[in-house]
């Protein structure tokens, strides 16, 4: 559970930064 949440947050953060 924690892994999935952390992965999603990291991906969202990276996507937002890239955009």
Protein backbone atom coordinates (compact mmCIF):
# COMPACT_ATOMS: atom_id res chain seq x y z
CA UNK A 1 0.00 0.00 0.00
CA UNK A 2 2.66 2.52 1.03
CA UNK A 3 4.74 1.58 -1.99
CA UNK A 4 1.85 2.22 -4.37
CA UNK A 5 1.00 5.56 -2.74
CA UNK A 6 4.63 6.68 -2.78
CA UNK A 7 5.04 5.64 -6.41
CA UNK A 8 1.88 7.49 -7.43
CA UNK A 9 2.90 10.65 -5.57
CA UNK A 10 6.40 10.54 -7.04
CA UNK A 11 5.02 10.01 -10.55
CA UNK A 12 2.47 12.82 -10.12
CA UNK A 13 5.18 15.15 -8.81
CA UNK A 14 7.49 14.33 -11.72
CA UNK A 15 4.70 14.77 -14.27
CA UNK A 16 3.72 18.12 -12.80
CA UNK A 17 7.35 19.27 -12.77
CA UNK A 18 7.83 18.14 -16.36
CA UNK A 19 4.69 19.94 -17.46
